[in-house]
């Protein structure tokens, strides 16, 4: 029996999810934009799904834009936001990190190369995390965008985005008495790392700055209270990392924040994303979002972390295995390692596990087959050879204790023969 351990790439929909989804869609046959009864029924279903997603993110339903997935959401939040400014791109500055998903890094690098965007790519430490001091000190008066992922898709490292968002939200709106500098008035809310903010950056600049977070991997795996916060201007999520359908996602865009739509030609999504809505996918995302409000979901996540840790304990005892996932502050389902073994490469182990019915990956699904070392592991300080020998185990809610026992036994057998 196959054991699927590549849920960060996509988490297959369960039979229960599909049954509920198709039961819900039975009576929804119209286009949500059509004025007749079938269209109105579809529109009601769309509205209900939007409410569910909004509730899961603690925002208003009107702030949710349905899109084709995390990649489109991140492109809107990068290119779309920057293109909406009433200034030439070469007059704007953006900040991101070296470990972002390609759907964030590549649009920003494209704008830097072809339109002159001033781009700062933050380094990460040995745990794969940005330093808030580095982030704050790189903010300029013309910084239009900061885009940082909540949790890395390859290593699971959770970034300190909540701390930054909480500080940003507090200092953006400090009310100062006449003649008193806003920094002095807000002194109690300034953590030590925030004091690195350049003096030429004022409140108006921070109010104009757009803070986007890619929460595709964090959504549904980390309790929202542990990462979600006021101060985020946009958040991207999708369904298929949590057992929903692929091809659908959502962008939370705070009221008052502007962007230039990438897809035009229709009034769908309040003219923010043209095209007939993927109603089946949206209903799937709505069901996933509804599940996140149940205590049972988060109890399953706690159990999932225990299974991940059992695998971690085994690999820690094996000589020649380098653990890339940080010991603290990581996704509960993710474990990334590098093989530093003379007779066993990462690709060899991946193929051996595949032959035995264990499906794991070497990193981001969007970069598979590129034959390049992981940019995430390189940024974390691994050598090119180590980064080519990386392996990612990502568990899902259907991963059982027995699955992990079988995997551990297979790994012990493989290592003993090498």
Protein backbone atom coordinates (compact mmCIF):
# COMPACT_ATOMS: atom_id res chain seq x y z
CA UNK A 1 0.00 0.00 0.00
CA UNK A 2 1.40 3.41 -1.01
CA UNK A 3 2.21 6.00 1.64
CA UNK A 4 1.86 9.57 0.34
CA UNK A 5 4.19 12.06 2.06
CA UNK A 6 4.22 15.01 -0.32
CA UNK A 7 1.34 17.05 1.08
CA UNK A 8 3.18 20.38 0.77
CA UNK A 9 3.06 19.86 -2.98
CA UNK A 10 -0.60 18.89 -2.94
CA UNK A 11 -2.78 17.03 -0.47
CA UNK A 12 -5.14 14.62 -2.24
CA UNK A 13 -8.81 15.24 -1.56
CA UNK A 14 -10.38 12.70 0.76
CA UNK A 15 -13.44 10.68 -0.18
CA UNK A 16 -15.37 12.50 2.56
CA UNK A 17 -14.45 15.92 1.16
CA UNK A 18 -15.40 14.93 -2.37
CA UNK A 19 -18.70 13.42 -1.24
CA UNK A 20 -19.65 16.58 0.66
CA UNK A 21 -18.50 18.78 -2.20
CA UNK A 22 -20.52 16.97 -4.84
CA UNK A 23 -23.53 16.87 -2.54
CA UNK A 24 -23.32 20.66 -2.22
CA UNK A 25 -22.88 21.23 -5.93
CA UNK A 26 -25.78 19.00 -7.00
CA UNK A 27 -28.23 21.90 -7.09
CA UNK A 28 -25.76 24.56 -8.23
CA UNK A 29 -25.70 24.54 -12.01
CA UNK A 30 -25.79 28.19 -13.02
CA UNK A 31 -23.31 30.99 -13.56
CA UNK A 32 -23.16 33.20 -10.44
CA UNK A 33 -23.37 36.29 -12.66
CA UNK A 34 -26.62 35.20 -14.37
CA UNK A 35 -29.87 36.91 -13.23
CA UNK A 36 -32.12 33.84 -13.38
CA UNK A 37 -32.89 31.44 -10.54
CA UNK A 38 -30.04 29.04 -11.35
CA UNK A 39 -27.60 31.94 -11.35
CA UNK A 40 -28.95 33.25 -8.05
CA UNK A 41 -28.53 29.82 -6.46
CA UNK A 42 -24.92 29.72 -7.63
CA UNK A 43 -24.38 33.24 -6.33
CA UNK A 44 -25.69 32.27 -2.89
CA UNK A 45 -23.31 29.29 -2.79
CA UNK A 46 -20.42 31.55 -3.82
CA UNK A 47 -21.30 34.04 -1.09
CA UNK A 48 -21.44 31.32 1.55
CA UNK A 49 -18.01 30.02 0.56
CA UNK A 50 -16.62 33.56 0.68
CA UNK A 51 -17.97 34.00 4.20
CA UNK A 52 -16.35 30.74 5.31
CA UNK A 53 -12.94 31.78 3.97
CA UNK A 54 -13.29 35.24 5.52
CA UNK A 55 -14.18 33.74 8.90
CA UNK A 56 -11.13 31.47 8.78
CA UNK A 57 -8.91 34.53 8.24
CA UNK A 58 -10.73 36.91 10.56
CA UNK A 59 -11.67 39.44 7.89
CA UNK A 60 -14.74 40.75 6.08
CA UNK A 61 -16.19 38.72 3.23
CA UNK A 62 -15.79 41.70 0.88
CA UNK A 63 -12.02 41.52 1.42
CA UNK A 64 -11.77 38.03 -0.15
CA UNK A 65 -10.92 37.70 -3.85
CA UNK A 66 -11.19 34.23 -5.36
CA UNK A 67 -8.38 33.36 -7.78
CA UNK A 68 -6.86 30.29 -9.47
CA UNK A 69 -4.43 29.48 -6.65
CA UNK A 70 -1.55 30.71 -4.53
CA UNK A 71 0.61 31.65 -7.51
CA UNK A 72 -1.99 34.02 -8.92
CA UNK A 73 -2.71 35.48 -5.49
CA UNK A 74 0.99 36.19 -4.97
CA UNK A 75 1.35 37.73 -8.43
CA UNK A 76 -1.56 40.07 -7.68
CA UNK A 77 0.03 41.01 -4.36
CA UNK A 78 3.37 41.78 -5.99
CA UNK A 79 2.93 42.96 -9.58
CA UNK A 80 -0.65 44.08 -9.07
CA UNK A 81 0.14 46.15 -5.99
CA UNK A 82 3.26 47.76 -7.44
CA UNK A 83 1.57 48.56 -10.74
CA UNK A 84 -1.24 50.36 -8.92
CA UNK A 85 1.07 53.06 -7.56
CA UNK A 86 0.95 56.43 -9.26
CA UNK A 87 4.70 56.32 -9.79
CA UNK A 88 7.04 54.67 -12.23
CA UNK A 89 8.20 51.22 -11.12
CA UNK A 90 11.84 52.36 -11.08
CA UNK A 91 10.93 54.88 -8.38
CA UNK A 92 9.61 52.16 -6.08
CA UNK A 93 11.36 49.83 -3.63
CA UNK A 94 10.27 46.32 -2.61
CA UNK A 95 11.55 43.93 0.04
CA UNK A 96 11.28 40.15 0.08
CA UNK A 97 13.35 37.21 1.34
CA UNK A 98 15.74 34.78 -0.31
CA UNK A 99 13.55 31.77 0.55
CA UNK A 100 10.28 32.93 -0.99
CA UNK A 101 8.35 30.75 -3.38
CA UNK A 102 9.21 31.39 -7.06
CA UNK A 103 5.75 32.92 -7.60
CA UNK A 104 6.93 35.82 -5.41
CA UNK A 105 10.61 35.97 -6.28
CA UNK A 106 10.26 35.73 -10.06
CA UNK A 107 7.69 38.53 -10.55
CA UNK A 108 9.77 40.85 -8.38
CA UNK A 109 13.02 39.95 -10.13
CA UNK A 110 11.30 40.44 -13.49
CA UNK A 111 10.20 43.94 -12.48
CA UNK A 112 13.70 44.69 -11.19
CA UNK A 113 15.33 43.52 -14.42
CA UNK A 114 12.86 44.95 -16.92
CA UNK A 115 11.31 47.93 -15.17
CA UNK A 116 14.01 49.07 -12.74
CA UNK A 117 12.27 48.11 -9.50
CA UNK A 118 14.58 48.70 -6.54
CA UNK A 119 14.59 45.27 -4.91
CA UNK A 120 16.05 44.11 -1.60
CA UNK A 121 16.22 40.35 -1.01
CA UNK A 122 16.76 39.63 2.67
CA UNK A 123 19.11 36.83 3.76
CA UNK A 124 18.08 34.20 6.30
CA UNK A 125 19.90 32.68 9.25
CA UNK A 126 20.96 29.05 9.70
CA UNK A 127 17.36 28.14 10.61
CA UNK A 128 16.07 29.66 7.39
CA UNK A 129 14.46 32.68 9.08
CA UNK A 130 14.74 36.37 8.34
CA UNK A 131 15.95 38.78 11.02
CA UNK A 132 13.47 41.53 11.82
CA UNK A 133 16.34 43.96 12.35
CA UNK A 134 17.42 43.32 8.74
CA UNK A 135 13.88 43.86 7.49
CA UNK A 136 13.26 47.11 9.34
CA UNK A 137 16.58 48.72 8.49
CA UNK A 138 16.04 48.14 4.76
CA UNK A 139 12.73 50.05 4.68
CA UNK A 140 13.04 53.27 2.69
CA UNK A 141 10.70 56.24 2.18
CA UNK A 142 9.83 54.75 -1.24
CA UNK A 143 9.28 51.18 -0.02
CA UNK A 144 5.97 50.21 -1.58
CA UNK A 145 5.90 46.50 -0.78
CA UNK A 146 7.17 44.00 1.76
CA UNK A 147 6.37 40.38 0.87
CA UNK A 148 7.40 37.58 3.24
CA UNK A 149 5.96 34.06 3.51
CA UNK A 150 4.51 32.87 6.81
CA UNK A 151 6.10 29.42 6.53
CA UNK A 152 8.52 27.98 4.00
CA UNK A 153 7.21 25.24 1.75
CA UNK A 154 10.51 23.30 1.70
CA UNK A 155 11.83 23.46 5.27
CA UNK A 156 8.72 24.51 7.16
CA UNK A 157 10.53 27.42 8.83
CA UNK A 158 8.00 29.89 10.25
CA UNK A 159 8.93 33.53 9.73
CA UNK A 160 8.43 36.27 12.38
CA UNK A 161 5.74 37.98 10.31
CA UNK A 162 3.27 38.32 13.18
CA UNK A 163 5.71 40.36 15.28
CA UNK A 164 6.38 42.68 12.35
CA UNK A 165 2.68 43.03 11.52
CA UNK A 166 1.75 43.83 15.12
CA UNK A 167 4.42 46.51 15.34
CA UNK A 168 3.52 47.92 11.94
CA UNK A 169 -0.15 48.13 12.84
CA UNK A 170 0.60 49.88 16.14
CA UNK A 171 2.98 52.54 14.81
CA UNK A 172 1.08 53.33 11.62
CA UNK A 173 -1.70 54.98 13.59
CA UNK A 174 -0.02 56.54 16.63
CA UNK A 175 -1.76 59.81 17.46
CA UNK A 176 0.78 62.40 18.56
CA UNK A 177 0.32 65.51 20.59
CA UNK A 178 1.34 68.70 18.80
CA UNK A 179 5.07 69.19 18.81
CA UNK A 180 5.86 65.61 19.92
CA UNK A 181 7.62 63.28 17.48
CA UNK A 182 5.57 60.18 16.60
CA UNK A 183 8.48 57.89 17.47
CA UNK A 184 8.64 59.27 21.00
CA UNK A 185 4.86 58.96 21.39
CA UNK A 186 5.01 55.36 20.28
CA UNK A 187 8.08 54.43 22.31
CA UNK A 188 6.42 51.68 24.40
CA UNK A 189 5.37 49.82 21.23
CA UNK A 190 8.87 49.77 19.73
CA UNK A 191 10.73 46.47 20.25
CA UNK A 192 14.51 46.62 20.05
CA UNK A 193 14.66 45.34 16.45
CA UNK A 194 12.27 48.07 15.29
CA UNK A 195 14.65 50.82 16.39
CA UNK A 196 16.68 50.06 13.24
CA UNK A 197 14.02 51.85 11.17
CA UNK A 198 15.78 54.66 9.24
CA UNK A 199 14.87 58.12 10.55
CA UNK A 200 13.80 59.36 7.14
CA UNK A 201 10.92 56.84 7.17
CA UNK A 202 7.86 58.40 8.77
CA UNK A 203 4.30 57.38 9.59
CA UNK A 204 3.00 58.30 6.15
CA UNK A 205 5.53 56.04 4.49
CA UNK A 206 4.59 53.13 6.79
CA UNK A 207 0.91 53.73 6.11
CA UNK A 208 1.56 53.57 2.37
CA UNK A 209 3.74 50.46 2.62
CA UNK A 210 1.88 47.27 1.60
CA UNK A 211 2.71 44.23 3.75
CA UNK A 212 1.84 40.96 2.01
CA UNK A 213 2.26 37.47 3.39
CA UNK A 214 2.19 34.20 1.47
CA UNK A 215 0.26 31.91 3.83
CA UNK A 216 -0.27 29.05 1.38
CA UNK A 217 1.61 26.55 3.55
CA UNK A 218 0.66 28.00 6.94
CA UNK A 219 -3.08 28.11 6.32
CA UNK A 220 -4.72 25.28 8.19
CA UNK A 221 -1.47 24.04 9.72
CA UNK A 222 -0.77 26.82 12.20
CA UNK A 223 -3.54 28.19 14.43
CA UNK A 224 -4.41 31.64 13.01
CA UNK A 225 -3.87 33.35 16.36
CA UNK A 226 -0.22 32.28 16.16
CA UNK A 227 0.49 34.10 12.90
CA UNK A 228 -2.45 36.13 11.60
CA UNK A 229 -2.61 39.74 12.73
CA UNK A 230 -3.83 43.18 11.87
CA UNK A 231 -1.05 44.85 9.96
CA UNK A 232 -1.20 42.42 7.05
CA UNK A 233 -2.49 44.19 3.97
CA UNK A 234 -2.92 41.01 1.96
CA UNK A 235 -2.72 37.26 2.55
CA UNK A 236 -2.68 34.46 -0.01
CA UNK A 237 -4.13 30.99 0.64
CA UNK A 238 -5.25 28.02 -1.43
CA UNK A 239 -7.26 24.81 -1.08
CA UNK A 240 -5.12 21.97 -2.39
CA UNK A 241 -2.52 21.99 0.39
CA UNK A 242 -5.30 20.97 2.77
CA UNK A 243 -7.17 18.32 0.84
CA UNK A 244 -9.25 20.68 -1.29
CA UNK A 245 -9.25 20.89 -5.07
CA UNK A 246 -6.32 22.34 -7.00
CA UNK A 247 -6.87 25.38 -9.20
CA UNK A 248 -8.47 27.64 -6.61
CA UNK A 249 -7.19 30.07 -4.02
CA UNK A 250 -8.01 33.34 -2.34
CA UNK A 251 -6.36 36.67 -1.71
CA UNK A 252 -7.35 38.61 1.36
CA UNK A 253 -6.98 42.26 0.39
CA UNK A 254 -7.68 44.72 3.20
CA UNK A 255 -10.26 47.37 2.56
CA UNK A 256 -8.68 50.50 1.11
CA UNK A 257 -5.66 48.71 -0.34
CA UNK A 258 -5.38 49.02 -4.10
CA UNK A 259 -3.97 46.84 -6.85
CA UNK A 260 -4.12 46.65 -10.61
CA UNK A 261 -6.01 43.51 -11.69
CA UNK A 262 -4.01 40.99 -13.68
CA UNK A 263 -7.10 39.64 -15.46
CA UNK A 264 -9.57 42.16 -16.87
CA UNK A 265 -12.72 41.89 -18.95
CA UNK A 266 -15.52 41.14 -16.52
CA UNK A 267 -17.23 42.36 -13.36
CA UNK A 268 -16.66 39.16 -11.38
CA UNK A 269 -15.12 39.52 -7.92
CA UNK A 270 -16.23 43.17 -7.92
CA UNK A 271 -14.14 43.77 -11.07
CA UNK A 272 -11.00 42.69 -9.24
CA UNK A 273 -10.55 39.38 -11.09
CA UNK A 274 -12.43 38.85 -14.35
CA UNK A 275 -13.66 35.49 -15.56
CA UNK A 276 -16.41 33.09 -14.61
CA UNK A 277 -15.69 31.83 -11.12
CA UNK A 278 -14.44 28.28 -10.60
CA UNK A 279 -17.49 27.50 -8.51
CA UNK A 280 -16.62 23.86 -7.80
CA UNK A 281 -13.14 24.85 -6.63
CA UNK A 282 -14.46 27.75 -4.57
CA UNK A 283 -16.96 25.50 -2.83
CA UNK A 284 -14.10 23.13 -2.07
CA UNK A 285 -12.07 25.95 -0.53
CA UNK A 286 -15.14 27.03 1.43
CA UNK A 287 -15.51 23.53 2.88
CA UNK A 288 -11.84 23.47 3.87
CA UNK A 289 -12.19 26.89 5.51
CA UNK A 290 -15.27 25.68 7.39
CA UNK A 291 -13.30 22.71 8.73
CA UNK A 292 -10.66 25.04 10.17
CA UNK A 293 -13.25 26.33 12.60
CA UNK A 294 -13.63 22.91 14.20
CA UNK A 295 -11.53 21.88 17.24
CA UNK A 296 -11.11 18.41 15.73
CA UNK A 297 -9.05 19.87 12.89
CA UNK A 298 -6.47 21.34 15.23
CA UNK A 299 -6.41 18.22 17.39
CA UNK A 300 -5.44 16.34 14.22
CA UNK A 301 -2.66 18.85 13.55
CA UNK A 302 -1.23 18.26 17.04
CA UNK A 303 -1.24 14.50 16.39
CA UNK A 304 0.40 15.14 13.02
CA UNK A 305 3.28 16.98 14.68
CA UNK A 306 3.90 14.02 16.98
CA UNK A 307 4.18 11.74 13.96
CA UNK A 308 6.59 14.15 12.28
CA UNK A 309 8.70 14.24 15.43
CA UNK A 310 8.93 10.46 15.52
CA UNK A 311 10.46 10.54 12.03
CA UNK A 312 12.73 13.37 13.12
CA UNK A 313 14.07 11.36 16.05
CA UNK A 314 15.02 8.50 13.74
CA UNK A 315 16.82 10.73 11.24
CA UNK A 316 18.67 12.62 13.97
CA UNK A 317 20.27 9.35 15.07
CA UNK A 318 21.49 8.57 11.57
CA UNK A 319 25.03 9.74 10.77
CA UNK A 320 25.33 11.79 7.62
CA UNK A 321 21.87 13.33 7.88
CA UNK A 322 21.66 17.13 8.20
CA UNK A 323 18.34 18.45 9.51
CA UNK A 324 17.22 21.62 7.69
CA UNK A 325 13.91 22.13 9.47
CA UNK A 326 14.40 24.35 12.55
CA UNK A 327 13.93 22.70 15.93
CA UNK A 328 11.59 25.51 16.99
CA UNK A 329 9.13 27.46 14.89
CA UNK A 330 8.30 25.18 11.98
CA UNK A 331 5.28 23.70 10.26
CA UNK A 332 4.01 20.70 12.25
CA UNK A 333 3.91 18.45 9.19
CA UNK A 334 7.23 19.23 7.49
CA UNK A 335 10.70 17.73 7.78
CA UNK A 336 13.52 18.59 5.39
CA UNK A 337 16.93 16.90 5.48
CA UNK A 338 20.16 16.80 3.47
CA UNK A 339 22.03 13.59 2.89
CA UNK A 340 25.77 13.76 3.42
CA UNK A 341 26.46 10.10 2.75
CA UNK A 342 29.20 8.80 0.43
CA UNK A 343 27.09 6.09 -1.22
CA UNK A 344 23.57 7.51 -1.01
CA UNK A 345 22.41 10.70 -2.70
CA UNK A 346 19.12 12.40 -2.07
CA UNK A 347 17.90 11.35 -5.50
CA UNK A 348 18.86 7.73 -4.77
CA UNK A 349 16.91 7.71 -1.53
CA UNK A 350 13.92 9.34 -3.17
CA UNK A 351 13.88 6.67 -5.89
CA UNK A 352 14.41 3.84 -3.42
CA UNK A 353 11.50 5.07 -1.31
CA UNK A 354 9.39 5.47 -4.44
CA UNK A 355 10.03 1.83 -5.39
CA UNK A 356 8.91 0.81 -1.90
CA UNK A 357 5.71 2.85 -2.15
CA UNK A 358 6.71 5.97 -0.17
CA UNK A 359 6.11 9.22 -2.04
CA UNK A 360 8.34 12.08 -0.89
CA UNK A 361 9.95 14.98 -2.73
CA UNK A 362 13.21 16.84 -3.13
CA UNK A 363 11.71 20.28 -2.55
CA UNK A 364 9.23 22.65 -4.14
CA UNK A 365 6.96 20.98 -6.70
CA UNK A 366 7.19 24.14 -8.80
CA UNK A 367 10.94 23.62 -9.20
CA UNK A 368 11.00 19.85 -9.71
CA UNK A 369 12.91 18.65 -12.73
CA UNK A 370 14.94 21.85 -12.89
CA UNK A 371 18.11 19.99 -11.82
CA UNK A 372 19.16 22.94 -9.68
CA UNK A 373 20.08 22.98 -6.00
CA UNK A 374 17.31 24.30 -3.79
CA UNK A 375 17.50 28.09 -3.52
CA UNK A 376 16.01 27.76 -0.04
CA UNK A 377 18.75 25.46 1.23
CA UNK A 378 21.45 27.57 -0.44
CA UNK A 379 20.09 30.64 1.34
CA UNK A 380 20.18 28.70 4.59
CA UNK A 381 23.92 28.13 4.18
CA UNK A 382 24.01 24.67 2.67
CA UNK A 383 26.55 23.92 -0.06
CA UNK A 384 25.37 23.32 -3.61
CA UNK A 385 26.06 19.60 -3.17
CA UNK A 386 24.10 19.44 0.07
CA UNK A 387 21.25 21.43 -1.46
CA UNK A 388 21.04 18.96 -4.35
CA UNK A 389 20.73 16.13 -1.82
CA UNK A 390 17.80 17.59 0.06
CA UNK A 391 14.68 15.58 0.77
CA UNK A 392 11.32 16.76 2.10
CA UNK A 393 8.79 14.70 4.02
CA UNK A 394 5.46 16.51 4.32
CA UNK A 395 2.67 14.73 6.19
CA UNK A 396 -1.08 15.14 5.80
CA UNK A 397 -4.11 14.60 7.98
CA UNK A 398 -4.49 11.09 6.58
CA UNK A 399 -0.92 10.13 7.54
CA UNK A 400 -1.22 7.49 10.25
CA UNK A 401 1.06 6.22 12.99
CA UNK A 402 1.34 3.01 11.00
CA UNK A 403 2.50 4.95 7.92
CA UNK A 404 5.34 6.50 9.93
CA UNK A 405 6.28 3.15 11.43
CA UNK A 406 6.49 1.66 7.93
CA UNK A 407 8.57 4.60 6.70
CA UNK A 408 10.99 4.40 9.63
CA UNK A 409 11.45 0.67 9.07
CA UNK A 410 12.12 1.25 5.37
CA UNK A 411 14.67 3.98 6.12
CA UNK A 412 16.50 1.80 8.66
CA UNK A 413 16.68 -0.99 6.07
CA UNK A 414 17.94 1.33 3.32
CA UNK A 415 20.58 2.93 5.54
CA UNK A 416 21.80 -0.45 6.79
CA UNK A 417 22.50 -1.60 3.23
CA UNK A 418 24.53 1.49 2.36
